[in-house]
Amino acid sequence: MLGENLRRMRERRGITQEELAERVHVVRQTVSKWEKGLSVPDADLLMAVAETLQVSVSDLIGVDAVQAKSIEELSVQAAVLNEQIDLQNRRMARTTTIAKRAIAACILAVVLVVGVGVAVWFAVPSSFTQITVEYEIGGEVRQAQINVNDHFGRLSAGYSWPSEDDEIFGQGDLLMASGTGQPDVQLLLHGVEVAIENAGGKVVRISSTTS
């Protein structure tokens, strides 16, 4: 009530917060706190503000407030209001601290879960198998590879071959067989063999290494 009355009466008089602060010898931030209800002026300041705004102290405090008849009563009332405001601010600060701690705990829990998941993922044994197909074409022996990665029970595969044989192995069906999902290694190998035979070549040897 005091804060709203103070702002309304100050604006009615056409006085800025800076001007009021200067007249009662406080800083502008103090007047701002009064108007926001974050604090109240003591008895002397309350009387100075009322005099500056040319209103009575009772009008400034509000009709719902106890009518103060002396500086002593005003001092007691101001002290009680400041204590109530301070208690409310401390409660809000504790609530904010608890909320921040709860948020921090949630973030930490998420980080731990993600971290454990990543650790488990990388802890699972994985293997890499390279199948080498040696083939003869045009009187020259060359090599093509099928690379198979097995991680966490999921297979992924790809090919490598000499650049001069792109036309032999760069077939849509062959490349699609090595895409995502669970590729069939035997089907991949069969595709390479068929591509070599269709190009007029022959398979010389097939070998594999696993690491």
C-alpha atoms as a PDB file:
ATOM      1  CA  MET A   1       0.000   0.000   0.000  1.00  0.00           C
ATOM      2  CA  LEU A   2       2.738   2.472   0.970  1.00  0.00           C
ATOM      3  CA  GLY A   3       4.695   1.801  -2.216  1.00  0.00           C
ATOM      4  CA  GLU A   4       1.683   2.291  -4.468  1.00  0.00           C
ATOM      5  CA  ASN A   5       0.622   5.463  -2.638  1.00  0.00           C
ATOM      6  CA  LEU A   6       4.141   6.855  -2.783  1.00  0.00           C
ATOM      7  CA  ARG A   7       4.462   6.288  -6.510  1.00  0.00           C
ATOM      8  CA  ARG A   8       1.005   7.671  -7.266  1.00  0.00           C
ATOM      9  CA  MET A   9       1.458  10.785  -5.143  1.00  0.00           C
ATOM     10  CA  ARG A  10       4.969  11.400  -6.479  1.00  0.00           C
ATOM     11  CA  GLU A  11       3.770  11.162 -10.078  1.00  0.00           C
ATOM     12  CA  ARG A  12       0.786  13.369  -9.270  1.00  0.00           C
ATOM     13  CA  ARG A  13       3.192  16.056  -8.062  1.00  0.00           C
ATOM     14  CA  GLY A  14       5.307  15.598 -11.204  1.00  0.00           C
ATOM     15  CA  ILE A  15       8.387  14.640  -9.194  1.00  0.00           C
ATOM     16  CA  THR A  16      10.831  12.014 -10.424  1.00  0.00           C
ATOM     17  CA  GLN A  17      12.437   9.382  -8.233  1.00  0.00           C
ATOM     18  CA  GLU A  18      15.743  11.237  -8.540  1.00  0.00           C
ATOM     19  CA  GLU A  19      14.195  14.523  -7.441  1.00  0.00           C
ATOM     20  CA  LEU A  20      12.431  12.962  -4.451  1.00  0.00           C
ATOM     21  CA  ALA A  21      15.596  11.157  -3.443  1.00  0.00           C
ATOM     22  CA  GLU A  22      17.580  14.382  -3.584  1.00  0.00           C
ATOM     23  CA  ARG A  23      15.038  16.275  -1.484  1.00  0.00           C
ATOM     24  CA  VAL A  24      14.956  13.695   1.320  1.00  0.00           C
ATOM     25  CA  HIS A  25      18.719  13.004   1.043  1.00  0.00           C
ATOM     26  CA  VAL A  26      18.712   9.381  -0.133  1.00  0.00           C
ATOM     27  CA  VAL A  27      19.727   7.703  -3.384  1.00  0.00           C
ATOM     28  CA  ARG A  28      17.255   7.020  -6.189  1.00  0.00           C
ATOM     29  CA  GLN A  29      17.539   3.249  -5.633  1.00  0.00           C
ATOM     30  CA  THR A  30      16.153   3.714  -2.125  1.00  0.00           C
ATOM     31  CA  VAL A  31      13.046   5.470  -3.457  1.00  0.00           C
ATOM     32  CA  SER A  32      12.678   2.690  -6.027  1.00  0.00           C
ATOM     33  CA  LYS A  33      12.770   0.075  -3.246  1.00  0.00           C
ATOM     34  CA  TRP A  34      10.114   1.980  -1.304  1.00  0.00           C
ATOM     35  CA  GLU A  35       7.810   2.048  -4.312  1.00  0.00           C
ATOM     36  CA  LYS A  36       8.396  -1.633  -5.063  1.00  0.00           C
ATOM     37  CA  GLY A  37       7.643  -2.578  -1.452  1.00  0.00           C
ATOM     38  CA  LEU A  38      11.130  -3.924  -0.870  1.00  0.00           C
ATOM     39  CA  SER A  39      11.633  -1.604   2.107  1.00  0.00           C
ATOM     40  CA  VAL A  40       9.931   1.276   3.911  1.00  0.00           C
ATOM     41  CA  PRO A  41      11.323   4.608   5.099  1.00  0.00           C
ATOM     42  CA  ASP A  42      11.881   5.141   8.793  1.00  0.00           C
ATOM     43  CA  ALA A  43       9.778   7.651  10.729  1.00  0.00           C
ATOM     44  CA  ASP A  44      11.933  10.701   9.948  1.00  0.00           C
ATOM     45  CA  LEU A  45      12.164   9.879   6.245  1.00  0.00           C
ATOM     46  CA  LEU A  46       8.456   9.083   6.093  1.00  0.00           C
ATOM     47  CA  MET A  47       7.632  12.519   7.447  1.00  0.00           C
ATOM     48  CA  ALA A  48      10.132  14.156   5.073  1.00  0.00           C
ATOM     49  CA  VAL A  49       8.597  12.350   2.088  1.00  0.00           C
ATOM     50  CA  ALA A  50       5.085  13.336   3.140  1.00  0.00           C
ATOM     51  CA  GLU A  51       6.159  16.956   3.527  1.00  0.00           C
ATOM     52  CA  THR A  52       7.879  16.939   0.127  1.00  0.00           C
ATOM     53  CA  LEU A  53       4.793  15.495  -1.559  1.00  0.00           C
ATOM     54  CA  GLN A  54       2.529  17.839   0.470  1.00  0.00           C
ATOM     55  CA  VAL A  55       0.394  15.024   1.869  1.00  0.00           C
ATOM     56  CA  SER A  56      -0.222  13.668   5.347  1.00  0.00           C
ATOM     57  CA  VAL A  57       1.662  10.695   6.696  1.00  0.00           C
ATOM     58  CA  SER A  58      -1.607   8.810   7.176  1.00  0.00           C
ATOM     59  CA  ASP A  59      -2.542   9.418   3.518  1.00  0.00           C
ATOM     60  CA  LEU A  60       0.887   8.217   2.449  1.00  0.00           C
ATOM     61  CA  ILE A  61       0.682   5.078   4.570  1.00  0.00           C
ATOM     62  CA  GLY A  62      -2.880   4.343   3.460  1.00  0.00           C
ATOM     63  CA  VAL A  63      -6.278   4.139   5.046  1.00  0.00           C
ATOM     64  CA  ASP A  64      -5.786   0.461   5.901  1.00  0.00           C
ATOM     65  CA  ALA A  65      -2.722   1.214   7.999  1.00  0.00           C
ATOM     66  CA  VAL A  66      -2.771   2.136  11.688  1.00  0.00           C
ATOM     67  CA  GLN A  67      -3.040   5.906  12.108  1.00  0.00           C
ATOM     68  CA  ALA A  68       0.265   6.933  13.651  1.00  0.00           C
ATOM     69  CA  LYS A  69       0.146   9.896  16.037  1.00  0.00           C
ATOM     70  CA  SER A  70       3.771  10.291  16.936  1.00  0.00           C
ATOM     71  CA  ILE A  71       7.265   9.783  15.655  1.00  0.00           C
ATOM     72  CA  GLU A  72       7.670   6.900  18.114  1.00  0.00           C
ATOM     73  CA  GLU A  73       4.645   5.102  16.696  1.00  0.00           C
ATOM     74  CA  LEU A  74       5.858   5.728  13.163  1.00  0.00           C
ATOM     75  CA  SER A  75       9.274   4.320  14.054  1.00  0.00           C
ATOM     76  CA  VAL A  76       7.736   1.170  15.521  1.00  0.00           C
ATOM     77  CA  GLN A  77       5.476   0.731  12.494  1.00  0.00           C
ATOM     78  CA  ALA A  78       8.330   1.235  10.036  1.00  0.00           C
ATOM     79  CA  ALA A  79      10.534  -1.186  11.945  1.00  0.00           C
ATOM     80  CA  VAL A  80       7.809  -3.847  11.926  1.00  0.00           C
ATOM     81  CA  LEU A  81       7.223  -3.406   8.191  1.00  0.00           C
ATOM     82  CA  ASN A  82      10.950  -3.617   7.432  1.00  0.00           C
ATOM     83  CA  GLU A  83      11.239  -6.760   9.540  1.00  0.00           C
ATOM     84  CA  GLN A  84       8.323  -8.349   7.679  1.00  0.00           C
ATOM     85  CA  ILE A  85       9.838  -7.428   4.322  1.00  0.00           C
ATOM     86  CA  ASP A  86      13.238  -8.773   5.381  1.00  0.00           C
ATOM     87  CA  LEU A  87      11.658 -12.052   6.533  1.00  0.00           C
ATOM     88  CA  GLN A  88       9.811 -12.371   3.233  1.00  0.00           C
ATOM     89  CA  ASN A  89      13.008 -11.708   1.262  1.00  0.00           C
ATOM     90  CA  ARG A  90      14.888 -14.358   3.267  1.00  0.00           C
ATOM     91  CA  ARG A  91      12.149 -16.881   2.604  1.00  0.00           C
ATOM     92  CA  MET A  92      12.242 -16.080  -1.106  1.00  0.00           C
ATOM     93  CA  ALA A  93      16.034 -16.420  -1.094  1.00  0.00           C
ATOM     94  CA  ARG A  94      15.802 -19.836   0.596  1.00  0.00           C
ATOM     95  CA  THR A  95      13.169 -20.959  -1.888  1.00  0.00           C
ATOM     96  CA  THR A  96      15.334 -19.798  -4.781  1.00  0.00           C
ATOM     97  CA  THR A  97      18.370 -21.587  -3.344  1.00  0.00           C
ATOM     98  CA  ILE A  98      16.422 -24.824  -2.910  1.00  0.00           C
ATOM     99  CA  ALA A  99      15.101 -24.560  -6.472  1.00  0.00           C
ATOM    100  CA  LYS A 100      18.600 -23.941  -7.833  1.00  0.00           C
ATOM    101  CA  ARG A 101      19.940 -26.944  -5.918  1.00  0.00           C
ATOM    102  CA  ALA A 102      17.112 -29.121  -7.214  1.00  0.00           C
ATOM    103  CA  ILE A 103      17.828 -28.033 -10.796  1.00  0.00           C
ATOM    104  CA  ALA A 104      21.545 -28.656 -10.310  1.00  0.00           C
ATOM    105  CA  ALA A 105      20.805 -32.126  -8.917  1.00  0.00           C
ATOM    106  CA  CYS A 106      18.607 -32.938 -11.925  1.00  0.00           C
ATOM    107  CA  ILE A 107      21.298 -31.759 -14.337  1.00  0.00           C
ATOM    108  CA  LEU A 108      23.918 -33.823 -12.494  1.00  0.00           C
ATOM    109  CA  ALA A 109      21.679 -36.893 -12.633  1.00  0.00           C
ATOM    110  CA  VAL A 110      21.204 -36.473 -16.387  1.00  0.00           C
ATOM    111  CA  VAL A 111      24.949 -36.038 -16.900  1.00  0.00           C
ATOM    112  CA  LEU A 112      25.651 -39.160 -14.848  1.00  0.00           C
ATOM    113  CA  VAL A 113      23.094 -41.214 -16.764  1.00  0.00           C
ATOM    114  CA  VAL A 114      24.481 -40.054 -20.104  1.00  0.00           C
ATOM    115  CA  GLY A 115      28.039 -40.612 -18.907  1.00  0.00           C
ATOM    116  CA  VAL A 116      27.281 -44.149 -17.731  1.00  0.00           C
ATOM    117  CA  GLY A 117      25.517 -44.872 -20.999  1.00  0.00           C
ATOM    118  CA  VAL A 118      28.498 -43.654 -23.019  1.00  0.00           C
ATOM    119  CA  ALA A 119      30.898 -45.607 -20.822  1.00  0.00           C
ATOM    120  CA  VAL A 120      28.857 -48.780 -21.249  1.00  0.00           C
ATOM    121  CA  TRP A 121      28.684 -48.227 -24.996  1.00  0.00           C
ATOM    122  CA  PHE A 122      32.442 -47.894 -25.377  1.00  0.00           C
ATOM    123  CA  ALA A 123      33.116 -50.676 -22.899  1.00  0.00           C
ATOM    124  CA  VAL A 124      31.263 -53.209 -25.028  1.00  0.00           C
ATOM    125  CA  PRO A 125      33.752 -55.264 -27.060  1.00  0.00           C
ATOM    126  CA  SER A 126      33.796 -54.391 -30.743  1.00  0.00           C
ATOM    127  CA  SER A 127      35.532 -56.027 -33.657  1.00  0.00           C
ATOM    128  CA  PHE A 128      36.632 -55.002 -37.116  1.00  0.00           C
ATOM    129  CA  THR A 129      36.909 -57.587 -39.854  1.00  0.00           C
ATOM    130  CA  GLN A 130      38.471 -56.975 -43.232  1.00  0.00           C
ATOM    131  CA  ILE A 131      37.772 -59.513 -45.957  1.00  0.00           C
ATOM    132  CA  THR A 132      40.269 -59.258 -48.805  1.00  0.00           C
ATOM    133  CA  VAL A 133      39.295 -60.558 -52.235  1.00  0.00           C
ATOM    134  CA  GLU A 134      42.220 -60.987 -54.643  1.00  0.00           C
ATOM    135  CA  TYR A 135      41.147 -61.123 -58.253  1.00  0.00           C
ATOM    136  CA  GLU A 136      42.786 -61.259 -61.655  1.00  0.00           C
ATOM    137  CA  ILE A 137      41.538 -59.045 -64.448  1.00  0.00           C
ATOM    138  CA  GLY A 138      43.319 -58.011 -67.622  1.00  0.00           C
ATOM    139  CA  GLY A 139      46.374 -60.043 -66.600  1.00  0.00           C
ATOM    140  CA  GLU A 140      46.775 -58.076 -63.361  1.00  0.00           C
ATOM    141  CA  VAL A 141      46.047 -59.211 -59.812  1.00  0.00           C
ATOM    142  CA  ARG A 142      44.229 -56.635 -57.693  1.00  0.00           C
ATOM    143  CA  GLN A 143      42.480 -56.490 -54.319  1.00  0.00           C
ATOM    144  CA  ALA A 144      39.087 -55.378 -53.088  1.00  0.00           C
ATOM    145  CA  GLN A 145      38.085 -55.258 -49.421  1.00  0.00           C
ATOM    146  CA  ILE A 146      34.866 -55.713 -47.491  1.00  0.00           C
ATOM    147  CA  ASN A 147      35.144 -53.928 -44.151  1.00  0.00           C
ATOM    148  CA  VAL A 148      32.756 -55.138 -41.449  1.00  0.00           C
ATOM    149  CA  ASN A 149      32.447 -53.450 -38.051  1.00  0.00           C
ATOM    150  CA  ASP A 150      30.612 -55.261 -35.245  1.00  0.00           C
ATOM    151  CA  HIS A 151      29.795 -53.029 -32.280  1.00  0.00           C
ATOM    152  CA  PHE A 152      27.266 -53.880 -29.594  1.00  0.00           C
ATOM    153  CA  GLY A 153      25.845 -56.574 -31.850  1.00  0.00           C
ATOM    154  CA  ARG A 154      25.223 -54.152 -34.715  1.00  0.00           C
ATOM    155  CA  LEU A 155      26.975 -54.684 -38.022  1.00  0.00           C
ATOM    156  CA  SER A 156      28.011 -52.019 -40.480  1.00  0.00           C
ATOM    157  CA  ALA A 157      29.907 -52.675 -43.671  1.00  0.00           C
ATOM    158  CA  GLY A 158      31.596 -50.911 -46.556  1.00  0.00           C
ATOM    159  CA  TYR A 159      33.819 -51.564 -49.545  1.00  0.00           C
ATOM    160  CA  SER A 160      37.165 -50.392 -50.865  1.00  0.00           C
ATOM    161  CA  TRP A 161      38.716 -51.171 -54.223  1.00  0.00           C
ATOM    162  CA  PRO A 162      41.218 -49.747 -56.751  1.00  0.00           C
ATOM    163  CA  SER A 163      39.972 -46.565 -58.378  1.00  0.00           C
ATOM    164  CA  GLU A 164      40.422 -48.035 -61.832  1.00  0.00           C
ATOM    165  CA  ASP A 165      37.777 -50.642 -60.996  1.00  0.00           C
ATOM    166  CA  ASP A 166      35.056 -48.172 -60.039  1.00  0.00           C
ATOM    167  CA  GLU A 167      32.993 -49.271 -63.010  1.00  0.00           C
ATOM    168  CA  ILE A 168      33.219 -52.890 -61.833  1.00  0.00           C
ATOM    169  CA  PHE A 169      32.231 -52.397 -58.228  1.00  0.00           C
ATOM    170  CA  GLY A 170      30.386 -49.090 -58.309  1.00  0.00           C
ATOM    171  CA  GLN A 171      27.066 -50.790 -58.916  1.00  0.00           C
ATOM    172  CA  GLY A 172      23.951 -49.585 -57.197  1.00  0.00           C
ATOM    173  CA  ASP A 173      22.933 -53.015 -55.906  1.00  0.00           C
ATOM    174  CA  LEU A 174      26.387 -53.682 -54.484  1.00  0.00           C
ATOM    175  CA  LEU A 175      26.581 -50.374 -52.650  1.00  0.00           C
ATOM    176  CA  MET A 176      23.050 -50.650 -51.303  1.00  0.00           C
ATOM    177  CA  ALA A 177      23.865 -54.035 -49.765  1.00  0.00           C
ATOM    178  CA  SER A 178      26.415 -52.352 -47.481  1.00  0.00           C
ATOM    179  CA  GLY A 179      24.061 -49.649 -46.232  1.00  0.00           C
ATOM    180  CA  THR A 180      22.576 -49.320 -42.774  1.00  0.00           C
ATOM    181  CA  GLY A 181      20.927 -52.081 -40.788  1.00  0.00           C
ATOM    182  CA  GLN A 182      22.337 -55.609 -40.439  1.00  0.00           C
ATOM    183  CA  PRO A 183      24.232 -56.431 -43.652  1.00  0.00           C
ATOM    184  CA  ASP A 184      24.738 -60.070 -44.596  1.00  0.00           C
ATOM    185  CA  VAL A 185      28.497 -60.606 -44.989  1.00  0.00           C
ATOM    186  CA  GLN A 186      28.049 -63.615 -47.251  1.00  0.00           C
ATOM    187  CA  LEU A 187      25.736 -61.605 -49.476  1.00  0.00           C
ATOM    188  CA  LEU A 188      28.309 -58.802 -49.654  1.00  0.00           C
ATOM    189  CA  LEU A 189      31.057 -61.250 -50.603  1.00  0.00           C
ATOM    190  CA  HIS A 190      28.845 -62.877 -53.215  1.00  0.00           C
ATOM    191  CA  GLY A 191      28.151 -59.439 -54.722  1.00  0.00           C
ATOM    192  CA  VAL A 192      31.878 -58.766 -55.098  1.00  0.00           C
ATOM    193  CA  GLU A 193      32.482 -62.150 -56.724  1.00  0.00           C
ATOM    194  CA  VAL A 194      29.617 -61.640 -59.184  1.00  0.00           C
ATOM    195  CA  ALA A 195      30.886 -58.161 -60.098  1.00  0.00           C
ATOM    196  CA  ILE A 196      34.354 -59.560 -60.826  1.00  0.00           C
ATOM    197  CA  GLU A 197      32.980 -62.390 -62.961  1.00  0.00           C
ATOM    198  CA  ASN A 198      30.688 -60.026 -64.880  1.00  0.00           C
ATOM    199  CA  ALA A 199      33.746 -57.894 -65.707  1.00  0.00           C
ATOM    200  CA  GLY A 200      35.545 -60.917 -67.160  1.00  0.00           C
ATOM    201  CA  GLY A 201      37.827 -61.459 -64.181  1.00  0.00           C
ATOM    202  CA  LYS A 202      38.227 -64.298 -61.714  1.00  0.00           C
ATOM    203  CA  VAL A 203      38.691 -64.570 -57.946  1.00  0.00           C
ATOM    204  CA  VAL A 204      42.170 -65.800 -57.013  1.00  0.00           C
ATOM    205  CA  ARG A 205      41.997 -65.873 -53.209  1.00  0.00           C
ATOM    206  CA  ILE A 206      39.831 -64.745 -50.306  1.00  0.00           C
ATOM    207  CA  SER A 207      41.260 -64.021 -46.873  1.00  0.00           C
ATOM    208  CA  SER A 208      40.121 -62.164 -43.737  1.00  0.00           C
ATOM    209  CA  THR A 209      41.635 -60.522 -40.676  1.00  0.00           C
ATOM    210  CA  THR A 210      39.858 -59.530 -37.471  1.00  0.00           C
ATOM    211  CA  SER A 211      40.966 -57.008 -34.888  1.00  0.00           C
END
